[in-house]
Amino acid sequence: YHHPLDKDGKPVCHCPLVILGLVEPFPELCNCSVNLGASYIETAIGRPVAKVELMASPLTTGDPYIRYAVYLKPPVATIPRD
């Protein structure tokens, strides 16, 4: 996810709590966004997510984007392929 940039070209935190002015941006909020990202992915693909890890974000690593590693749950039953 590429962040919107402010007038100085720095990424803007997109957390609703920050946008509403309730809290200042801090790195732990990026971990909170992992759950939101997992929810979006589950909805988009119609499959449950087993785990999502935060790989990069402006507040944690200084990268200009958020990057997640997404692990999907395997199907309940699988048929071996020949």
PDB file of N, CA and C in Angstrom:
ATOM      1  N   TYR A   1       0.844  -1.162   0.000  1.00  0.00           N
ATOM      2  CA  TYR A   1       0.000   0.000   0.000  1.00  0.00           C
ATOM      3  C   TYR A   1       0.892   1.228   0.000  1.00  0.00           C
ATOM      4  N   HIS A   2       0.716   2.106  -0.966  1.00  0.00           N
ATOM      5  CA  HIS A   2       1.487   3.347  -1.023  1.00  0.00           C
ATOM      6  C   HIS A   2       0.732   4.445  -0.279  1.00  0.00           C
ATOM      7  N   HIS A   3       1.401   5.037   0.678  1.00  0.00           N
ATOM      8  CA  HIS A   3       0.813   6.094   1.489  1.00  0.00           C
ATOM      9  C   HIS A   3       0.629   7.378   0.697  1.00  0.00           C
ATOM     10  N   PRO A   4      -0.406   8.154   1.057  1.00  0.00           N
ATOM     11  CA  PRO A   4      -0.454   9.521   0.539  1.00  0.00           C
ATOM     12  C   PRO A   4       0.694  10.308   1.167  1.00  0.00           C
ATOM     13  N   LEU A   5       1.154  11.324   0.486  1.00  0.00           N
ATOM     14  CA  LEU A   5       2.281  12.117   0.969  1.00  0.00           C
ATOM     15  C   LEU A   5       1.816  13.498   1.399  1.00  0.00           C
ATOM     16  N   ASP A   6       2.504  14.061   2.397  1.00  0.00           N
ATOM     17  CA  ASP A   6       2.184  15.425   2.805  1.00  0.00           C
ATOM     18  C   ASP A   6       2.917  16.411   1.905  1.00  0.00           C
ATOM     19  N   LYS A   7       2.803  17.704   2.204  1.00  0.00           N
ATOM     20  CA  LYS A   7       3.409  18.732   1.349  1.00  0.00           C
ATOM     21  C   LYS A   7       4.931  18.646   1.301  1.00  0.00           C
ATOM     22  N   ASP A   8       5.551  17.992   2.305  1.00  0.00           N
ATOM     23  CA  ASP A   8       7.007  17.822   2.319  1.00  0.00           C
ATOM     24  C   ASP A   8       7.449  16.504   1.692  1.00  0.00           C
ATOM     25  N   GLY A   9       6.488  15.725   1.174  1.00  0.00           N
ATOM     26  CA  GLY A   9       6.810  14.453   0.541  1.00  0.00           C
ATOM     27  C   GLY A   9       6.961  13.294   1.507  1.00  0.00           C
ATOM     28  N   LYS A  10       6.564  13.485   2.758  1.00  0.00           N
ATOM     29  CA  LYS A  10       6.641  12.406   3.746  1.00  0.00           C
ATOM     30  C   LYS A  10       5.316  11.652   3.777  1.00  0.00           C
ATOM     31  N   PRO A  11       5.358  10.315   4.004  1.00  0.00           N
ATOM     32  CA  PRO A  11       4.113   9.547   4.078  1.00  0.00           C
ATOM     33  C   PRO A  11       3.234  10.002   5.235  1.00  0.00           C
ATOM     34  N   VAL A  12       1.931  10.019   5.000  1.00  0.00           N
ATOM     35  CA  VAL A  12       0.947  10.409   5.997  1.00  0.00           C
ATOM     36  C   VAL A  12       0.327   9.141   6.578  1.00  0.00           C
ATOM     37  N   CYS A  13       0.292   9.050   7.915  1.00  0.00           N
ATOM     38  CA  CYS A  13      -0.327   7.905   8.577  1.00  0.00           C
ATOM     39  C   CYS A  13      -1.807   7.869   8.217  1.00  0.00           C
ATOM     40  N   HIS A  14      -2.317   6.704   7.862  1.00  0.00           N
ATOM     41  CA  HIS A  14      -3.720   6.614   7.469  1.00  0.00           C
ATOM     42  C   HIS A  14      -4.599   5.978   8.543  1.00  0.00           C
ATOM     43  N   CYS A  15      -4.069   5.824   9.755  1.00  0.00           N
ATOM     44  CA  CYS A  15      -4.856   5.288  10.869  1.00  0.00           C
ATOM     45  C   CYS A  15      -5.997   6.245  11.188  1.00  0.00           C
ATOM     46  N   PRO A  16      -7.226   5.733  11.324  1.00  0.00           N
ATOM     47  CA  PRO A  16      -8.356   6.623  11.640  1.00  0.00           C
ATOM     48  C   PRO A  16      -8.154   7.420  12.924  1.00  0.00           C
ATOM     49  N   LEU A  17      -7.502   6.835  13.927  1.00  0.00           N
ATOM     50  CA  LEU A  17      -7.269   7.564  15.176  1.00  0.00           C
ATOM     51  C   LEU A  17      -6.361   8.773  14.956  1.00  0.00           C
ATOM     52  N   VAL A  18      -5.393   8.628  14.060  1.00  0.00           N
ATOM     53  CA  VAL A  18      -4.481   9.732  13.745  1.00  0.00           C
ATOM     54  C   VAL A  18      -5.190  10.759  12.876  1.00  0.00           C
ATOM     55  N   ILE A  19      -5.905  10.292  11.875  1.00  0.00           N
ATOM     56  CA  ILE A  19      -6.623  11.198  10.968  1.00  0.00           C
ATOM     57  C   ILE A  19      -7.632  12.056  11.734  1.00  0.00           C
ATOM     58  N   LEU A  20      -8.296  11.472  12.740  1.00  0.00           N
ATOM     59  CA  LEU A  20      -9.273  12.216  13.539  1.00  0.00           C
ATOM     60  C   LEU A  20      -8.618  13.104  14.594  1.00  0.00           C
ATOM     61  N   GLY A  21      -7.295  13.013  14.726  1.00  0.00           N
ATOM     62  CA  GLY A  21      -6.576  13.850  15.671  1.00  0.00           C
ATOM     63  C   GLY A  21      -6.646  13.365  17.113  1.00  0.00           C
ATOM     64  N   LEU A  22      -7.033  12.090  17.316  1.00  0.00           N
ATOM     65  CA  LEU A  22      -7.152  11.561  18.670  1.00  0.00           C
ATOM     66  C   LEU A  22      -5.808  11.163  19.272  1.00  0.00           C
ATOM     67  N   VAL A  23      -4.873  10.727  18.422  1.00  0.00           N
ATOM     68  CA  VAL A  23      -3.534  10.340  18.882  1.00  0.00           C
ATOM     69  C   VAL A  23      -2.508  10.770  17.849  1.00  0.00           C
ATOM     70  N   GLU A  24      -1.278  10.884  18.272  1.00  0.00           N
ATOM     71  CA  GLU A  24      -0.168  11.139  17.359  1.00  0.00           C
ATOM     72  C   GLU A  24       0.281   9.802  16.759  1.00  0.00           C
ATOM     73  N   PRO A  25       0.834   9.795  15.555  1.00  0.00           N
ATOM     74  CA  PRO A  25       1.306   8.542  14.966  1.00  0.00           C
ATOM     75  C   PRO A  25       2.429   7.928  15.803  1.00  0.00           C
ATOM     76  N   PHE A  26       2.366   6.615  15.989  1.00  0.00           N
ATOM     77  CA  PHE A  26       3.440   5.879  16.643  1.00  0.00           C
ATOM     78  C   PHE A  26       3.498   4.480  16.042  1.00  0.00           C
ATOM     79  N   PRO A  27       4.665   3.816  16.054  1.00  0.00           N
ATOM     80  CA  PRO A  27       4.877   2.558  15.332  1.00  0.00           C
ATOM     81  C   PRO A  27       3.895   1.436  15.660  1.00  0.00           C
ATOM     82  N   GLU A  28       3.421   1.359  16.891  1.00  0.00           N
ATOM     83  CA  GLU A  28       2.491   0.278  17.255  1.00  0.00           C
ATOM     84  C   GLU A  28       1.187   0.342  16.464  1.00  0.00           C
ATOM     85  N   LEU A  29       0.831   1.507  15.970  1.00  0.00           N
ATOM     86  CA  LEU A  29      -0.374   1.623  15.145  1.00  0.00           C
ATOM     87  C   LEU A  29      -0.222   0.845  13.843  1.00  0.00           C
ATOM     88  N   CYS A  30       0.988   0.722  13.340  1.00  0.00           N
ATOM     89  CA  CYS A  30       1.219  -0.032  12.110  1.00  0.00           C
ATOM     90  C   CYS A  30       0.905  -1.509  12.319  1.00  0.00           C
ATOM     91  N   ASN A  31       1.172  -2.023  13.519  1.00  0.00           N
ATOM     92  CA  ASN A  31       0.817  -3.406  13.826  1.00  0.00           C
ATOM     93  C   ASN A  31      -0.689  -3.572  13.909  1.00  0.00           C
ATOM     94  N   CYS A  32      -1.381  -2.556  14.361  1.00  0.00           N
ATOM     95  CA  CYS A  32      -2.839  -2.584  14.394  1.00  0.00           C
ATOM     96  C   CYS A  32      -3.390  -2.686  12.971  1.00  0.00           C
ATOM     97  N   SER A  33      -2.754  -2.020  12.033  1.00  0.00           N
ATOM     98  CA  SER A  33      -3.237  -2.039  10.652  1.00  0.00           C
ATOM     99  C   SER A  33      -3.115  -3.404  10.014  1.00  0.00           C
ATOM    100  N   VAL A  34      -2.288  -4.267  10.576  1.00  0.00           N
ATOM    101  CA  VAL A  34      -2.158  -5.631  10.065  1.00  0.00           C
ATOM    102  C   VAL A  34      -3.516  -6.338  10.117  1.00  0.00           C
ATOM    103  N   ASN A  35      -4.245  -6.163  11.217  1.00  0.00           N
ATOM    104  CA  ASN A  35      -5.559  -6.800  11.341  1.00  0.00           C
ATOM    105  C   ASN A  35      -6.544  -6.252  10.323  1.00  0.00           C
ATOM    106  N   LEU A  36      -6.480  -4.970  10.077  1.00  0.00           N
ATOM    107  CA  LEU A  36      -7.346  -4.359   9.076  1.00  0.00           C
ATOM    108  C   LEU A  36      -6.993  -4.895   7.688  1.00  0.00           C
ATOM    109  N   GLY A  37      -5.699  -5.001   7.402  1.00  0.00           N
ATOM    110  CA  GLY A  37      -5.262  -5.561   6.123  1.00  0.00           C
ATOM    111  C   GLY A  37      -5.729  -6.993   5.947  1.00  0.00           C
ATOM    112  N   ALA A  38      -5.650  -7.782   7.001  1.00  0.00           N
ATOM    113  CA  ALA A  38      -6.108  -9.173   6.940  1.00  0.00           C
ATOM    114  C   ALA A  38      -7.602  -9.229   6.621  1.00  0.00           C
ATOM    115  N   SER A  39      -8.375  -8.348   7.235  1.00  0.00           N
ATOM    116  CA  SER A  39      -9.811  -8.312   6.984  1.00  0.00           C
ATOM    117  C   SER A  39     -10.115  -7.968   5.531  1.00  0.00           C
ATOM    118  N   TYR A  40      -9.387  -6.988   4.982  1.00  0.00           N
ATOM    119  CA  TYR A  40      -9.577  -6.619   3.574  1.00  0.00           C
ATOM    120  C   TYR A  40      -9.252  -7.790   2.654  1.00  0.00           C
ATOM    121  N   ILE A  41      -8.171  -8.473   2.942  1.00  0.00           N
ATOM    122  CA  ILE A  41      -7.745  -9.589   2.095  1.00  0.00           C
ATOM    123  C   ILE A  41      -8.757 -10.724   2.159  1.00  0.00           C
ATOM    124  N   GLU A  42      -9.225 -11.070   3.365  1.00  0.00           N
ATOM    125  CA  GLU A  42     -10.224 -12.123   3.502  1.00  0.00           C
ATOM    126  C   GLU A  42     -11.485 -11.798   2.713  1.00  0.00           C
ATOM    127  N   THR A  43     -11.916 -10.558   2.787  1.00  0.00           N
ATOM    128  CA  THR A  43     -13.111 -10.137   2.065  1.00  0.00           C
ATOM    129  C   THR A  43     -12.893 -10.209   0.555  1.00  0.00           C
ATOM    130  N   ALA A  44     -11.740  -9.774   0.110  1.00  0.00           N
ATOM    131  CA  ALA A  44     -11.460  -9.722  -1.332  1.00  0.00           C
ATOM    132  C   ALA A  44     -11.350 -11.105  -1.957  1.00  0.00           C
ATOM    133  N   ILE A  45     -10.719 -12.035  -1.256  1.00  0.00           N
ATOM    134  CA  ILE A  45     -10.490 -13.346  -1.869  1.00  0.00           C
ATOM    135  C   ILE A  45     -11.433 -14.437  -1.368  1.00  0.00           C
ATOM    136  N   GLY A  46     -12.194 -14.139  -0.311  1.00  0.00           N
ATOM    137  CA  GLY A  46     -13.159 -15.109   0.195  1.00  0.00           C
ATOM    138  C   GLY A  46     -12.532 -16.299   0.902  1.00  0.00           C
ATOM    139  N   ARG A  47     -11.325 -16.130   1.406  1.00  0.00           N
ATOM    140  CA  ARG A  47     -10.639 -17.203   2.139  1.00  0.00           C
ATOM    141  C   ARG A  47     -10.088 -16.631   3.439  1.00  0.00           C
ATOM    142  N   PRO A  48     -10.012 -17.474   4.485  1.00  0.00           N
ATOM    143  CA  PRO A  48      -9.484 -16.973   5.753  1.00  0.00           C
ATOM    144  C   PRO A  48      -7.967 -16.798   5.727  1.00  0.00           C
ATOM    145  N   VAL A  49      -7.521 -15.811   6.445  1.00  0.00           N
ATOM    146  CA  VAL A  49      -6.092 -15.543   6.582  1.00  0.00           C
ATOM    147  C   VAL A  49      -5.609 -16.195   7.876  1.00  0.00           C
ATOM    148  N   ALA A  50      -4.497 -16.918   7.798  1.00  0.00           N
ATOM    149  CA  ALA A  50      -3.929 -17.555   8.986  1.00  0.00           C
ATOM    150  C   ALA A  50      -3.113 -16.558   9.794  1.00  0.00           C
ATOM    151  N   LYS A  51      -2.346 -15.729   9.084  1.00  0.00           N
ATOM    152  CA  LYS A  51      -1.458 -14.797   9.769  1.00  0.00           C
ATOM    153  C   LYS A  51      -1.042 -13.702   8.796  1.00  0.00           C
ATOM    154  N   VAL A  52      -0.836 -12.503   9.322  1.00  0.00           N
ATOM    155  CA  VAL A  52      -0.302 -11.395   8.545  1.00  0.00           C
ATOM    156  C   VAL A  52       0.811 -10.764   9.366  1.00  0.00           C
ATOM    157  N   GLU A  53       1.936 -10.496   8.726  1.00  0.00           N
ATOM    158  CA  GLU A  53       3.061  -9.849   9.396  1.00  0.00           C
ATOM    159  C   GLU A  53       3.344  -8.509   8.738  1.00  0.00           C
ATOM    160  N   LEU A  54       3.655  -7.529   9.547  1.00  0.00           N
ATOM    161  CA  LEU A  54       4.082  -6.231   9.044  1.00  0.00           C
ATOM    162  C   LEU A  54       5.545  -6.342   8.638  1.00  0.00           C
ATOM    163  N   MET A  55       5.845  -6.086   7.388  1.00  0.00           N
ATOM    164  CA  MET A  55       7.219  -6.184   6.891  1.00  0.00           C
ATOM    165  C   MET A  55       7.885  -4.803   6.813  1.00  0.00           C
ATOM    166  N   ALA A  56       7.106  -3.764   6.488  1.00  0.00           N
ATOM    167  CA  ALA A  56       7.665  -2.415   6.345  1.00  0.00           C
ATOM    168  C   ALA A  56       6.554  -1.396   6.493  1.00  0.00           C
ATOM    169  N   SER A  57       6.931  -0.222   6.999  1.00  0.00           N
ATOM    170  CA  SER A  57       6.006   0.911   7.070  1.00  0.00           C
ATOM    171  C   SER A  57       6.828   2.168   7.331  1.00  0.00           C
ATOM    172  N   PRO A  58       6.262   3.328   7.039  1.00  0.00           N
ATOM    173  CA  PRO A  58       6.992   4.573   7.292  1.00  0.00           C
ATOM    174  C   PRO A  58       7.400   4.754   8.756  1.00  0.00           C
ATOM    175  N   LEU A  59       6.552   4.332   9.687  1.00  0.00           N
ATOM    176  CA  LEU A  59       6.849   4.544  11.102  1.00  0.00           C
ATOM    177  C   LEU A  59       7.766   3.488  11.703  1.00  0.00           C
ATOM    178  N   THR A  60       7.819   2.283  11.112  1.00  0.00           N
ATOM    179  CA  THR A  60       8.641   1.222  11.706  1.00  0.00           C
ATOM    180  C   THR A  60       9.985   1.052  11.014  1.00  0.00           C
ATOM    181  N   THR A  61      10.008   1.173   9.699  1.00  0.00           N
ATOM    182  CA  THR A  61      11.257   0.935   8.952  1.00  0.00           C
ATOM    183  C   THR A  61      11.701   2.142   8.130  1.00  0.00           C
ATOM    184  N   GLY A  62      10.841   3.159   8.041  1.00  0.00           N
ATOM    185  CA  GLY A  62      11.172   4.337   7.248  1.00  0.00           C
ATOM    186  C   GLY A  62      10.864   4.185   5.767  1.00  0.00           C
ATOM    187  N   ASP A  63      10.335   3.041   5.363  1.00  0.00           N
ATOM    188  CA  ASP A  63       9.971   2.849   3.960  1.00  0.00           C
ATOM    189  C   ASP A  63       8.785   3.736   3.604  1.00  0.00           C
ATOM    190  N   PRO A  64       8.635   4.109   2.340  1.00  0.00           N
ATOM    191  CA  PRO A  64       7.546   5.003   1.947  1.00  0.00           C
ATOM    192  C   PRO A  64       6.220   4.278   1.703  1.00  0.00           C
ATOM    193  N   TYR A  65       6.102   3.038   2.135  1.00  0.00           N
ATOM    194  CA  TYR A  65       4.889   2.266   1.905  1.00  0.00           C
ATOM    195  C   TYR A  65       4.727   1.247   3.016  1.00  0.00           C
ATOM    196  N   ILE A  66       3.521   0.640   3.101  1.00  0.00           N
ATOM    197  CA  ILE A  66       3.283  -0.465   4.015  1.00  0.00           C
ATOM    198  C   ILE A  66       3.385  -1.754   3.207  1.00  0.00           C
ATOM    199  N   ARG A  67       4.094  -2.717   3.770  1.00  0.00           N
ATOM    200  CA  ARG A  67       4.231  -4.018   3.109  1.00  0.00           C
ATOM    201  C   ARG A  67       3.912  -5.096   4.133  1.00  0.00           C
ATOM    202  N   TYR A  68       3.039  -6.019   3.745  1.00  0.00           N
ATOM    203  CA  TYR A  68       2.634  -7.131   4.597  1.00  0.00           C
ATOM    204  C   TYR A  68       3.073  -8.455   3.986  1.00  0.00           C
ATOM    205  N   ALA A  69       3.288  -9.457   4.843  1.00  0.00           N
ATOM    206  CA  ALA A  69       3.412 -10.851   4.403  1.00  0.00           C
ATOM    207  C   ALA A  69       2.117 -11.515   4.845  1.00  0.00           C
ATOM    208  N   VAL A  70       1.386 -12.089   3.894  1.00  0.00           N
ATOM    209  CA  VAL A  70       0.075 -12.670   4.171  1.00  0.00           C
ATOM    210  C   VAL A  70       0.148 -14.182   4.006  1.00  0.00           C
ATOM    211  N   TYR A  71      -0.286 -14.888   5.037  1.00  0.00           N
ATOM    212  CA  TYR A  71      -0.321 -16.351   5.013  1.00  0.00           C
ATOM    213  C   TYR A  71      -1.779 -16.787   5.064  1.00  0.00           C
ATOM    214  N   LEU A  72      -2.218 -17.498   4.023  1.00  0.00           N
ATOM    215  CA  LEU A  72      -3.596 -17.967   3.959  1.00  0.00           C
ATOM    216  C   LEU A  72      -3.721 -19.323   4.628  1.00  0.00           C
ATOM    217  N   LYS A  73      -4.902 -19.593   5.201  1.00  0.00           N
ATOM    218  CA  LYS A  73      -5.160 -20.908   5.776  1.00  0.00           C
ATOM    219  C   LYS A  73      -5.335 -21.896   4.629  1.00  0.00           C
ATOM    220  N   PRO A  74      -4.778 -23.104   4.775  1.00  0.00           N
ATOM    221  CA  PRO A  74      -4.968 -24.093   3.714  1.00  0.00           C
ATOM    222  C   PRO A  74      -6.415 -24.581   3.710  1.00  0.00           C
ATOM    223  N   PRO A  75      -6.876 -25.120   2.591  1.00  0.00           N
ATOM    224  CA  PRO A  75      -8.234 -25.673   2.551  1.00  0.00           C
ATOM    225  C   PRO A  75      -8.368 -26.797   3.579  1.00  0.00           C
ATOM    226  N   VAL A  76      -9.604 -27.047   4.014  1.00  0.00           N
ATOM    227  CA  VAL A  76      -9.849 -28.094   5.005  1.00  0.00           C
ATOM    228  C   VAL A  76      -9.406 -29.447   4.467  1.00  0.00           C
ATOM    229  N   ALA A  77      -9.777 -29.743   3.248  1.00  0.00           N
ATOM    230  CA  ALA A  77      -9.386 -31.017   2.626  1.00  0.00           C
ATOM    231  C   ALA A  77      -8.697 -30.705   1.295  1.00  0.00           C
ATOM    232  N   THR A  78      -7.627 -31.390   1.055  1.00  0.00           N
ATOM    233  CA  THR A  78      -6.936 -31.213  -0.218  1.00  0.00           C
ATOM    234  C   THR A  78      -6.865 -32.558  -0.932  1.00  0.00           C
ATOM    235  N   ILE A  79      -6.910 -32.503  -2.211  1.00  0.00           N
ATOM    236  CA  ILE A  79      -6.804 -33.706  -3.027  1.00  0.00           C
ATOM    237  C   ILE A  79      -5.411 -33.736  -3.607  1.00  0.00           C
ATOM    238  N   PRO A  80      -4.650 -34.810  -3.359  1.00  0.00           N
ATOM    239  CA  PRO A  80      -3.303 -34.867  -3.928  1.00  0.00           C
ATOM    240  C   PRO A  80      -3.333 -34.833  -5.449  1.00  0.00           C
ATOM    241  N   ARG A  81      -2.406 -34.130  -6.030  1.00  0.00           N
ATOM    242  CA  ARG A  81      -2.313 -34.080  -7.487  1.00  0.00           C
ATOM    243  C   ARG A  81      -1.287 -35.094  -7.950  1.00  0.00           C
ATOM    244  N   ASP A  82      -1.577 -35.705  -9.072  1.00  0.00           N
ATOM    245  CA  ASP A  82      -0.633 -36.692  -9.630  1.00  0.00           C
ATOM    246  C   ASP A  82       0.437 -36.043 -10.444  1.00  0.00           C
TER     247      ASP A  82
END
